[in-house]
């Protein structure tokens, strides 16, 4: 019986340029803190005493994560809605408590997530389709980001990368890297950029992520009124459709090999 797996040639019959596999490097006895993989902890977002959601995230930049998440979800409309942010430890992870006016806490209670949001999907737990599409609007016409800015972002993704961690970069119109979000979840990394930018009082002209692009990254960018989003791999068709409807410039960087405009915000 012929095996369906090929080790010496590709399905097209071309010789593979991959080195042959010879065995395992056994890391199973190694202590956890010696492994290069990212940390992942449950992080609960709480408005006053109202628990809103628990996300799985890399436990760094937690204030920015909570502010960006609250804004992306539509619980807050601006950073000044947050009176104070406090990070607390919980039994298994962390709790970020945002002190807000009671009307905002009530809004949070009415929108609270039904389930845990995983590090892989920022939309997990939304109860209604309207929540998933919240904040979508048509962005104003803006010029395309300079190719040089995208090149600077791609260089930064290479130099700032670490094993198992997604990166999101907030870039100025001139290609300056103003904000870096790092997280095991691609949507958490973007929330960290949005939150840090809200706290600094200025949104980036371009966000670049090290991940694929699904709908929630488009939704978060549009909600934050960021005019351009670039991702390393191909977006979903729904992400492209919504980006075009919202006049968001969406760029597929094809792993740094070429730039493909999938949606233009300059017309």
C-alpha atoms as a PDB file:
ATOM      1  CA  UNK A   1       0.000   0.000   0.000  1.00  0.00           C
ATOM      2  CA  UNK A   2       1.432   3.406  -0.987  1.00  0.00           C
ATOM      3  CA  UNK A   3       1.750   5.989   1.785  1.00  0.00           C
ATOM      4  CA  UNK A   4      -0.026   9.306   1.133  1.00  0.00           C
ATOM      5  CA  UNK A   5       2.929  11.167   2.656  1.00  0.00           C
ATOM      6  CA  UNK A   6       5.881  12.150   0.509  1.00  0.00           C
ATOM      7  CA  UNK A   7       9.213  12.952   2.071  1.00  0.00           C
ATOM      8  CA  UNK A   8      11.550  13.321  -0.895  1.00  0.00           C
ATOM      9  CA  UNK A   9       9.424  15.187  -3.408  1.00  0.00           C
ATOM     10  CA  UNK A  10       6.489  17.543  -3.486  1.00  0.00           C
ATOM     11  CA  UNK A  11       3.048  16.545  -4.827  1.00  0.00           C
ATOM     12  CA  UNK A  12       4.121  18.081  -8.149  1.00  0.00           C
ATOM     13  CA  UNK A  13       7.126  15.806  -8.299  1.00  0.00           C
ATOM     14  CA  UNK A  14       9.735  18.464  -7.547  1.00  0.00           C
ATOM     15  CA  UNK A  15      12.575  17.695  -5.173  1.00  0.00           C
ATOM     16  CA  UNK A  16      12.006  19.117  -1.713  1.00  0.00           C
ATOM     17  CA  UNK A  17      14.503  21.671  -0.359  1.00  0.00           C
ATOM     18  CA  UNK A  18      13.617  20.698   3.221  1.00  0.00           C
ATOM     19  CA  UNK A  19      16.240  18.969   5.319  1.00  0.00           C
ATOM     20  CA  UNK A  20      15.236  15.360   6.137  1.00  0.00           C
ATOM     21  CA  UNK A  21      13.808  14.747   9.610  1.00  0.00           C
ATOM     22  CA  UNK A  22      16.094  12.612  11.769  1.00  0.00           C
ATOM     23  CA  UNK A  23      14.326  12.443  15.130  1.00  0.00           C
ATOM     24  CA  UNK A  24      13.085  14.469  18.096  1.00  0.00           C
ATOM     25  CA  UNK A  25      14.816  17.069  20.227  1.00  0.00           C
ATOM     26  CA  UNK A  26      13.419  16.047  23.605  1.00  0.00           C
ATOM     27  CA  UNK A  27      12.439  19.112  25.643  1.00  0.00           C
ATOM     28  CA  UNK A  28       9.893  17.296  27.804  1.00  0.00           C
ATOM     29  CA  UNK A  29      12.182  17.249  30.912  1.00  0.00           C
ATOM     30  CA  UNK A  30      12.932  20.985  30.690  1.00  0.00           C
ATOM     31  CA  UNK A  31      11.516  23.336  33.303  1.00  0.00           C
ATOM     32  CA  UNK A  32       8.689  25.533  32.016  1.00  0.00           C
ATOM     33  CA  UNK A  33      10.556  28.776  32.675  1.00  0.00           C
ATOM     34  CA  UNK A  34      13.407  27.645  30.399  1.00  0.00           C
ATOM     35  CA  UNK A  35      11.166  27.140  27.349  1.00  0.00           C
ATOM     36  CA  UNK A  36      11.035  29.948  24.756  1.00  0.00           C
ATOM     37  CA  UNK A  37       7.259  29.872  24.243  1.00  0.00           C
ATOM     38  CA  UNK A  38       4.997  32.738  25.332  1.00  0.00           C
ATOM     39  CA  UNK A  39       3.122  33.043  28.593  1.00  0.00           C
ATOM     40  CA  UNK A  40      -0.645  32.700  28.552  1.00  0.00           C
ATOM     41  CA  UNK A  41      -2.920  33.573  31.463  1.00  0.00           C
ATOM     42  CA  UNK A  42      -6.615  34.237  31.997  1.00  0.00           C
ATOM     43  CA  UNK A  43      -7.166  37.987  32.249  1.00  0.00           C
ATOM     44  CA  UNK A  44     -10.552  39.186  33.503  1.00  0.00           C
ATOM     45  CA  UNK A  45     -11.816  42.617  32.438  1.00  0.00           C
ATOM     46  CA  UNK A  46     -13.994  44.175  35.147  1.00  0.00           C
ATOM     47  CA  UNK A  47     -15.880  47.481  35.086  1.00  0.00           C
ATOM     48  CA  UNK A  48     -16.300  48.612  38.702  1.00  0.00           C
ATOM     49  CA  UNK A  49     -17.777  45.385  40.127  1.00  0.00           C
ATOM     50  CA  UNK A  50     -19.214  44.151  36.818  1.00  0.00           C
ATOM     51  CA  UNK A  51     -17.266  41.257  35.281  1.00  0.00           C
ATOM     52  CA  UNK A  52     -17.344  41.720  31.508  1.00  0.00           C
ATOM     53  CA  UNK A  53     -15.120  39.046  29.950  1.00  0.00           C
ATOM     54  CA  UNK A  54     -12.133  36.818  30.555  1.00  0.00           C
ATOM     55  CA  UNK A  55      -9.579  36.597  27.771  1.00  0.00           C
ATOM     56  CA  UNK A  56      -6.534  34.394  27.437  1.00  0.00           C
ATOM     57  CA  UNK A  57      -3.587  36.703  26.905  1.00  0.00           C
ATOM     58  CA  UNK A  58       0.113  37.227  27.433  1.00  0.00           C
ATOM     59  CA  UNK A  59       0.261  38.969  30.842  1.00  0.00           C
ATOM     60  CA  UNK A  60       2.129  42.112  29.792  1.00  0.00           C
ATOM     61  CA  UNK A  61       0.788  45.578  28.851  1.00  0.00           C
ATOM     62  CA  UNK A  62      -2.404  44.635  30.691  1.00  0.00           C
ATOM     63  CA  UNK A  63      -3.597  48.215  31.228  1.00  0.00           C
ATOM     64  CA  UNK A  64      -3.326  48.895  27.485  1.00  0.00           C
ATOM     65  CA  UNK A  65      -5.011  45.567  26.721  1.00  0.00           C
ATOM     66  CA  UNK A  66      -7.975  46.357  28.962  1.00  0.00           C
ATOM     67  CA  UNK A  67      -8.428  49.895  27.618  1.00  0.00           C
ATOM     68  CA  UNK A  68      -8.116  48.767  23.995  1.00  0.00           C
ATOM     69  CA  UNK A  69     -10.468  45.849  24.550  1.00  0.00           C
ATOM     70  CA  UNK A  70     -13.046  48.085  26.263  1.00  0.00           C
ATOM     71  CA  UNK A  71     -12.879  50.551  23.376  1.00  0.00           C
ATOM     72  CA  UNK A  72     -13.035  47.875  20.663  1.00  0.00           C
ATOM     73  CA  UNK A  73     -16.071  46.365  22.368  1.00  0.00           C
ATOM     74  CA  UNK A  74     -17.827  49.720  22.524  1.00  0.00           C
ATOM     75  CA  UNK A  75     -18.064  49.784  26.314  1.00  0.00           C
ATOM     76  CA  UNK A  76     -16.078  53.027  26.435  1.00  0.00           C
ATOM     77  CA  UNK A  77     -16.052  55.725  23.755  1.00  0.00           C
ATOM     78  CA  UNK A  78     -12.823  57.465  24.761  1.00  0.00           C
ATOM     79  CA  UNK A  79      -9.983  57.034  27.235  1.00  0.00           C
ATOM     80  CA  UNK A  80     -11.394  59.790  29.454  1.00  0.00           C
ATOM     81  CA  UNK A  81     -14.303  57.432  30.216  1.00  0.00           C
ATOM     82  CA  UNK A  82     -11.845  55.485  32.394  1.00  0.00           C
ATOM     83  CA  UNK A  83     -11.237  57.071  35.780  1.00  0.00           C
ATOM     84  CA  UNK A  84      -8.593  54.564  36.908  1.00  0.00           C
ATOM     85  CA  UNK A  85      -7.093  51.201  35.926  1.00  0.00           C
ATOM     86  CA  UNK A  86      -5.848  48.661  38.465  1.00  0.00           C
ATOM     87  CA  UNK A  87      -4.211  45.288  37.779  1.00  0.00           C
ATOM     88  CA  UNK A  88      -4.841  42.634  40.431  1.00  0.00           C
ATOM     89  CA  UNK A  89      -3.757  39.037  40.709  1.00  0.00           C
ATOM     90  CA  UNK A  90      -6.425  36.353  40.750  1.00  0.00           C
ATOM     91  CA  UNK A  91      -6.208  32.680  41.634  1.00  0.00           C
ATOM     92  CA  UNK A  92      -5.017  31.569  38.207  1.00  0.00           C
ATOM     93  CA  UNK A  93      -4.201  34.809  36.398  1.00  0.00           C
ATOM     94  CA  UNK A  94      -5.014  38.509  36.536  1.00  0.00           C
ATOM     95  CA  UNK A  95      -7.932  40.868  36.914  1.00  0.00           C
ATOM     96  CA  UNK A  96      -7.906  44.340  35.348  1.00  0.00           C
ATOM     97  CA  UNK A  97     -10.437  46.607  36.993  1.00  0.00           C
ATOM     98  CA  UNK A  98     -11.502  49.764  35.185  1.00  0.00           C
ATOM     99  CA  UNK A  99     -13.197  52.350  37.356  1.00  0.00           C
ATOM    100  CA  UNK A 100     -15.922  54.002  35.280  1.00  0.00           C
ATOM    101  CA  UNK A 101     -19.182  55.901  35.698  1.00  0.00           C
ATOM    102  CA  UNK A 102     -22.158  53.745  36.652  1.00  0.00           C
ATOM    103  CA  UNK A 103     -23.814  54.263  33.253  1.00  0.00           C
ATOM    104  CA  UNK A 104     -20.784  52.658  31.600  1.00  0.00           C
ATOM    105  CA  UNK A 105     -20.782  49.794  34.090  1.00  0.00           C
ATOM    106  CA  UNK A 106     -24.449  49.192  33.225  1.00  0.00           C
ATOM    107  CA  UNK A 107     -23.554  49.200  29.528  1.00  0.00           C
ATOM    108  CA  UNK A 108     -20.857  46.623  30.247  1.00  0.00           C
ATOM    109  CA  UNK A 109     -23.372  44.470  32.110  1.00  0.00           C
ATOM    110  CA  UNK A 110     -25.761  44.496  29.173  1.00  0.00           C
ATOM    111  CA  UNK A 111     -23.000  43.485  26.717  1.00  0.00           C
ATOM    112  CA  UNK A 112     -21.096  40.992  28.893  1.00  0.00           C
ATOM    113  CA  UNK A 113     -19.552  38.049  27.060  1.00  0.00           C
ATOM    114  CA  UNK A 114     -21.253  34.682  27.490  1.00  0.00           C
ATOM    115  CA  UNK A 115     -18.054  32.610  27.445  1.00  0.00           C
ATOM    116  CA  UNK A 116     -14.289  32.755  27.718  1.00  0.00           C
ATOM    117  CA  UNK A 117     -12.618  34.534  24.808  1.00  0.00           C
ATOM    118  CA  UNK A 118      -9.647  32.482  23.628  1.00  0.00           C
ATOM    119  CA  UNK A 119      -6.288  33.840  22.546  1.00  0.00           C
ATOM    120  CA  UNK A 120      -7.080  32.729  18.996  1.00  0.00           C
ATOM    121  CA  UNK A 121     -10.434  34.410  18.473  1.00  0.00           C
ATOM    122  CA  UNK A 122     -11.358  37.862  19.698  1.00  0.00           C
ATOM    123  CA  UNK A 123     -14.978  37.325  18.687  1.00  0.00           C
ATOM    124  CA  UNK A 124     -15.550  34.241  20.843  1.00  0.00           C
ATOM    125  CA  UNK A 125     -18.456  34.624  23.232  1.00  0.00           C
ATOM    126  CA  UNK A 126     -20.393  37.368  21.484  1.00  0.00           C
ATOM    127  CA  UNK A 127     -24.074  36.676  21.894  1.00  0.00           C
ATOM    128  CA  UNK A 128     -25.450  38.545  18.864  1.00  0.00           C
ATOM    129  CA  UNK A 129     -24.224  39.203  15.329  1.00  0.00           C
ATOM    130  CA  UNK A 130     -24.809  42.914  15.969  1.00  0.00           C
ATOM    131  CA  UNK A 131     -22.132  42.792  18.673  1.00  0.00           C
ATOM    132  CA  UNK A 132     -19.670  41.262  16.227  1.00  0.00           C
ATOM    133  CA  UNK A 133     -20.302  44.076  13.714  1.00  0.00           C
ATOM    134  CA  UNK A 134     -20.442  46.853  16.316  1.00  0.00           C
ATOM    135  CA  UNK A 135     -18.636  50.077  15.476  1.00  0.00           C
ATOM    136  CA  UNK A 136     -18.449  49.581  11.717  1.00  0.00           C
ATOM    137  CA  UNK A 137     -18.668  52.851   9.830  1.00  0.00           C
ATOM    138  CA  UNK A 138     -17.270  54.298   6.630  1.00  0.00           C
ATOM    139  CA  UNK A 139     -13.859  55.876   7.179  1.00  0.00           C
ATOM    140  CA  UNK A 140     -12.905  59.148   5.492  1.00  0.00           C
ATOM    141  CA  UNK A 141     -10.861  59.058   2.294  1.00  0.00           C
ATOM    142  CA  UNK A 142      -7.124  59.039   3.047  1.00  0.00           C
ATOM    143  CA  UNK A 143      -3.975  58.524   1.006  1.00  0.00           C
ATOM    144  CA  UNK A 144      -2.342  55.122   0.812  1.00  0.00           C
ATOM    145  CA  UNK A 145       0.531  54.537   3.242  1.00  0.00           C
ATOM    146  CA  UNK A 146       3.963  54.987   1.626  1.00  0.00           C
ATOM    147  CA  UNK A 147       5.653  51.776   0.556  1.00  0.00           C
ATOM    148  CA  UNK A 148       8.647  52.850   2.654  1.00  0.00           C
ATOM    149  CA  UNK A 149       6.470  52.816   5.778  1.00  0.00           C
ATOM    150  CA  UNK A 150       5.417  49.241   5.077  1.00  0.00           C
ATOM    151  CA  UNK A 151       9.061  48.318   4.578  1.00  0.00           C
ATOM    152  CA  UNK A 152       9.924  49.826   7.961  1.00  0.00           C
ATOM    153  CA  UNK A 153       7.098  47.854   9.542  1.00  0.00           C
ATOM    154  CA  UNK A 154       8.220  44.592   7.967  1.00  0.00           C
ATOM    155  CA  UNK A 155      11.763  45.195   9.208  1.00  0.00           C
ATOM    156  CA  UNK A 156      10.425  45.838  12.716  1.00  0.00           C
ATOM    157  CA  UNK A 157       8.333  42.650  12.650  1.00  0.00           C
ATOM    158  CA  UNK A 158      11.499  40.701  11.897  1.00  0.00           C
ATOM    159  CA  UNK A 159      13.630  42.366  14.559  1.00  0.00           C
ATOM    160  CA  UNK A 160      10.948  42.412  17.271  1.00  0.00           C
ATOM    161  CA  UNK A 161       9.690  38.850  16.743  1.00  0.00           C
ATOM    162  CA  UNK A 162       9.859  36.197  19.455  1.00  0.00           C
ATOM    163  CA  UNK A 163       8.700  32.552  19.498  1.00  0.00           C
ATOM    164  CA  UNK A 164       4.945  32.025  19.632  1.00  0.00           C
ATOM    165  CA  UNK A 165       4.038  35.711  20.040  1.00  0.00           C
ATOM    166  CA  UNK A 166       2.020  37.865  17.649  1.00  0.00           C
ATOM    167  CA  UNK A 167       3.067  41.447  17.079  1.00  0.00           C
ATOM    168  CA  UNK A 168       0.995  44.479  16.198  1.00  0.00           C
ATOM    169  CA  UNK A 169       2.758  47.704  15.284  1.00  0.00           C
ATOM    170  CA  UNK A 170       1.324  51.214  15.286  1.00  0.00           C
ATOM    171  CA  UNK A 171       3.111  53.363  12.688  1.00  0.00           C
ATOM    172  CA  UNK A 172       3.006  57.078  11.953  1.00  0.00           C
ATOM    173  CA  UNK A 173       2.475  58.491   8.458  1.00  0.00           C
ATOM    174  CA  UNK A 174       6.267  58.718   8.163  1.00  0.00           C
ATOM    175  CA  UNK A 175       6.756  55.048   9.046  1.00  0.00           C
ATOM    176  CA  UNK A 176       7.930  55.638  12.621  1.00  0.00           C
ATOM    177  CA  UNK A 177       7.112  52.760  14.993  1.00  0.00           C
ATOM    178  CA  UNK A 178       5.189  54.424  17.814  1.00  0.00           C
ATOM    179  CA  UNK A 179       3.540  51.448  19.514  1.00  0.00           C
ATOM    180  CA  UNK A 180       4.294  47.734  19.787  1.00  0.00           C
ATOM    181  CA  UNK A 181       1.759  45.206  21.080  1.00  0.00           C
ATOM    182  CA  UNK A 182       2.940  41.685  21.901  1.00  0.00           C
ATOM    183  CA  UNK A 183       0.612  38.824  22.753  1.00  0.00           C
ATOM    184  CA  UNK A 184      -0.129  35.162  22.130  1.00  0.00           C
ATOM    185  CA  UNK A 185      -3.421  36.333  20.593  1.00  0.00           C
ATOM    186  CA  UNK A 186      -3.390  38.455  17.433  1.00  0.00           C
ATOM    187  CA  UNK A 187      -6.469  40.408  18.509  1.00  0.00           C
ATOM    188  CA  UNK A 188      -4.977  41.037  21.972  1.00  0.00           C
ATOM    189  CA  UNK A 189      -1.822  42.443  20.333  1.00  0.00           C
ATOM    190  CA  UNK A 190      -3.961  44.862  18.320  1.00  0.00           C
ATOM    191  CA  UNK A 191      -6.003  45.822  21.401  1.00  0.00           C
ATOM    192  CA  UNK A 192      -2.732  46.653  23.166  1.00  0.00           C
ATOM    193  CA  UNK A 193      -1.751  49.005  20.332  1.00  0.00           C
ATOM    194  CA  UNK A 194      -5.199  50.628  20.345  1.00  0.00           C
ATOM    195  CA  UNK A 195      -5.206  50.960  24.143  1.00  0.00           C
ATOM    196  CA  UNK A 196      -1.697  52.426  24.311  1.00  0.00           C
ATOM    197  CA  UNK A 197      -2.576  54.848  21.504  1.00  0.00           C
ATOM    198  CA  UNK A 198      -5.753  55.956  23.299  1.00  0.00           C
ATOM    199  CA  UNK A 199      -3.751  56.524  26.456  1.00  0.00           C
ATOM    200  CA  UNK A 200      -1.156  58.534  24.492  1.00  0.00           C
ATOM    201  CA  UNK A 201      -3.857  60.587  22.766  1.00  0.00           C
ATOM    202  CA  UNK A 202      -3.024  59.720  19.148  1.00  0.00           C
ATOM    203  CA  UNK A 203      -3.994  56.846  16.863  1.00  0.00           C
ATOM    204  CA  UNK A 204      -1.542  55.390  14.319  1.00  0.00           C
ATOM    205  CA  UNK A 205      -1.881  56.004  10.584  1.00  0.00           C
ATOM    206  CA  UNK A 206      -1.131  52.341   9.897  1.00  0.00           C
ATOM    207  CA  UNK A 207      -1.303  49.146  11.913  1.00  0.00           C
ATOM    208  CA  UNK A 208       0.699  46.113  10.838  1.00  0.00           C
ATOM    209  CA  UNK A 209       0.182  42.667  12.356  1.00  0.00           C
ATOM    210  CA  UNK A 210       2.291  39.525  12.151  1.00  0.00           C
ATOM    211  CA  UNK A 211      -0.788  37.346  11.694  1.00  0.00           C
ATOM    212  CA  UNK A 212      -3.531  36.468   9.299  1.00  0.00           C
ATOM    213  CA  UNK A 213      -6.449  38.864   9.201  1.00  0.00           C
ATOM    214  CA  UNK A 214      -9.974  37.863  10.124  1.00  0.00           C
ATOM    215  CA  UNK A 215     -13.014  40.046  10.660  1.00  0.00           C
ATOM    216  CA  UNK A 216     -12.281  41.131  14.231  1.00  0.00           C
ATOM    217  CA  UNK A 217      -9.016  42.844  13.241  1.00  0.00           C
ATOM    218  CA  UNK A 218     -10.861  44.866  10.603  1.00  0.00           C
ATOM    219  CA  UNK A 219     -13.629  45.696  13.089  1.00  0.00           C
ATOM    220  CA  UNK A 220     -11.159  46.870  15.733  1.00  0.00           C
ATOM    221  CA  UNK A 221      -9.222  49.010  13.222  1.00  0.00           C
ATOM    222  CA  UNK A 222     -12.379  50.668  11.886  1.00  0.00           C
ATOM    223  CA  UNK A 223     -13.740  51.250  15.386  1.00  0.00           C
ATOM    224  CA  UNK A 224     -10.451  53.002  16.272  1.00  0.00           C
ATOM    225  CA  UNK A 225     -10.601  54.941  12.971  1.00  0.00           C
ATOM    226  CA  UNK A 226      -7.188  53.665  11.924  1.00  0.00           C
ATOM    227  CA  UNK A 227      -7.133  54.191   8.139  1.00  0.00           C
ATOM    228  CA  UNK A 228      -4.822  51.350   7.079  1.00  0.00           C
ATOM    229  CA  UNK A 229      -4.247  47.749   8.179  1.00  0.00           C
ATOM    230  CA  UNK A 230      -1.489  45.499   6.839  1.00  0.00           C
ATOM    231  CA  UNK A 231      -1.157  41.805   7.632  1.00  0.00           C
ATOM    232  CA  UNK A 232       1.459  39.209   6.765  1.00  0.00           C
ATOM    233  CA  UNK A 233      -0.879  36.568   5.364  1.00  0.00           C
ATOM    234  CA  UNK A 234      -4.086  36.492   3.368  1.00  0.00           C
ATOM    235  CA  UNK A 235      -7.244  37.871   5.017  1.00  0.00           C
ATOM    236  CA  UNK A 236     -10.567  36.092   5.030  1.00  0.00           C
ATOM    237  CA  UNK A 237     -13.061  37.062   2.337  1.00  0.00           C
ATOM    238  CA  UNK A 238     -15.379  38.501   4.966  1.00  0.00           C
ATOM    239  CA  UNK A 239     -12.557  40.683   6.282  1.00  0.00           C
ATOM    240  CA  UNK A 240     -11.927  42.010   2.756  1.00  0.00           C
ATOM    241  CA  UNK A 241     -15.642  42.593   2.136  1.00  0.00           C
ATOM    242  CA  UNK A 242     -16.071  44.576   5.351  1.00  0.00           C
ATOM    243  CA  UNK A 243     -12.830  46.520   4.788  1.00  0.00           C
ATOM    244  CA  UNK A 244     -14.086  47.609   1.356  1.00  0.00           C
ATOM    245  CA  UNK A 245     -17.481  48.589   2.758  1.00  0.00           C
ATOM    246  CA  UNK A 246     -15.787  50.665   5.477  1.00  0.00           C
ATOM    247  CA  UNK A 247     -13.177  52.297   3.200  1.00  0.00           C
ATOM    248  CA  UNK A 248     -10.336  50.728   5.208  1.00  0.00           C
ATOM    249  CA  UNK A 249      -7.084  50.252   3.304  1.00  0.00           C
ATOM    250  CA  UNK A 250      -6.258  46.553   3.696  1.00  0.00           C
ATOM    251  CA  UNK A 251      -2.886  45.269   2.540  1.00  0.00           C
ATOM    252  CA  UNK A 252      -1.631  41.692   2.315  1.00  0.00           C
ATOM    253  CA  UNK A 253       2.167  41.730   2.648  1.00  0.00           C
ATOM    254  CA  UNK A 254       2.603  38.107   1.506  1.00  0.00           C
ATOM    255  CA  UNK A 255       5.144  37.410   4.256  1.00  0.00           C
ATOM    256  CA  UNK A 256       7.192  40.419   3.151  1.00  0.00           C
ATOM    257  CA  UNK A 257       7.574  39.242  -0.444  1.00  0.00           C
ATOM    258  CA  UNK A 258       5.139  41.648  -2.148  1.00  0.00           C
ATOM    259  CA  UNK A 259       2.390  44.110  -1.283  1.00  0.00           C
ATOM    260  CA  UNK A 260      -1.177  43.486  -2.467  1.00  0.00           C
ATOM    261  CA  UNK A 261      -3.934  46.060  -2.023  1.00  0.00           C
ATOM    262  CA  UNK A 262      -7.169  44.246  -1.239  1.00  0.00           C
ATOM    263  CA  UNK A 263      -9.145  47.322  -0.211  1.00  0.00           C
ATOM    264  CA  UNK A 264      -8.350  50.973  -0.924  1.00  0.00           C
ATOM    265  CA  UNK A 265      -9.228  53.864   1.325  1.00  0.00           C
ATOM    266  CA  UNK A 266      -7.999  56.557  -1.072  1.00  0.00           C
ATOM    267  CA  UNK A 267     -11.142  56.812  -3.192  1.00  0.00           C
END
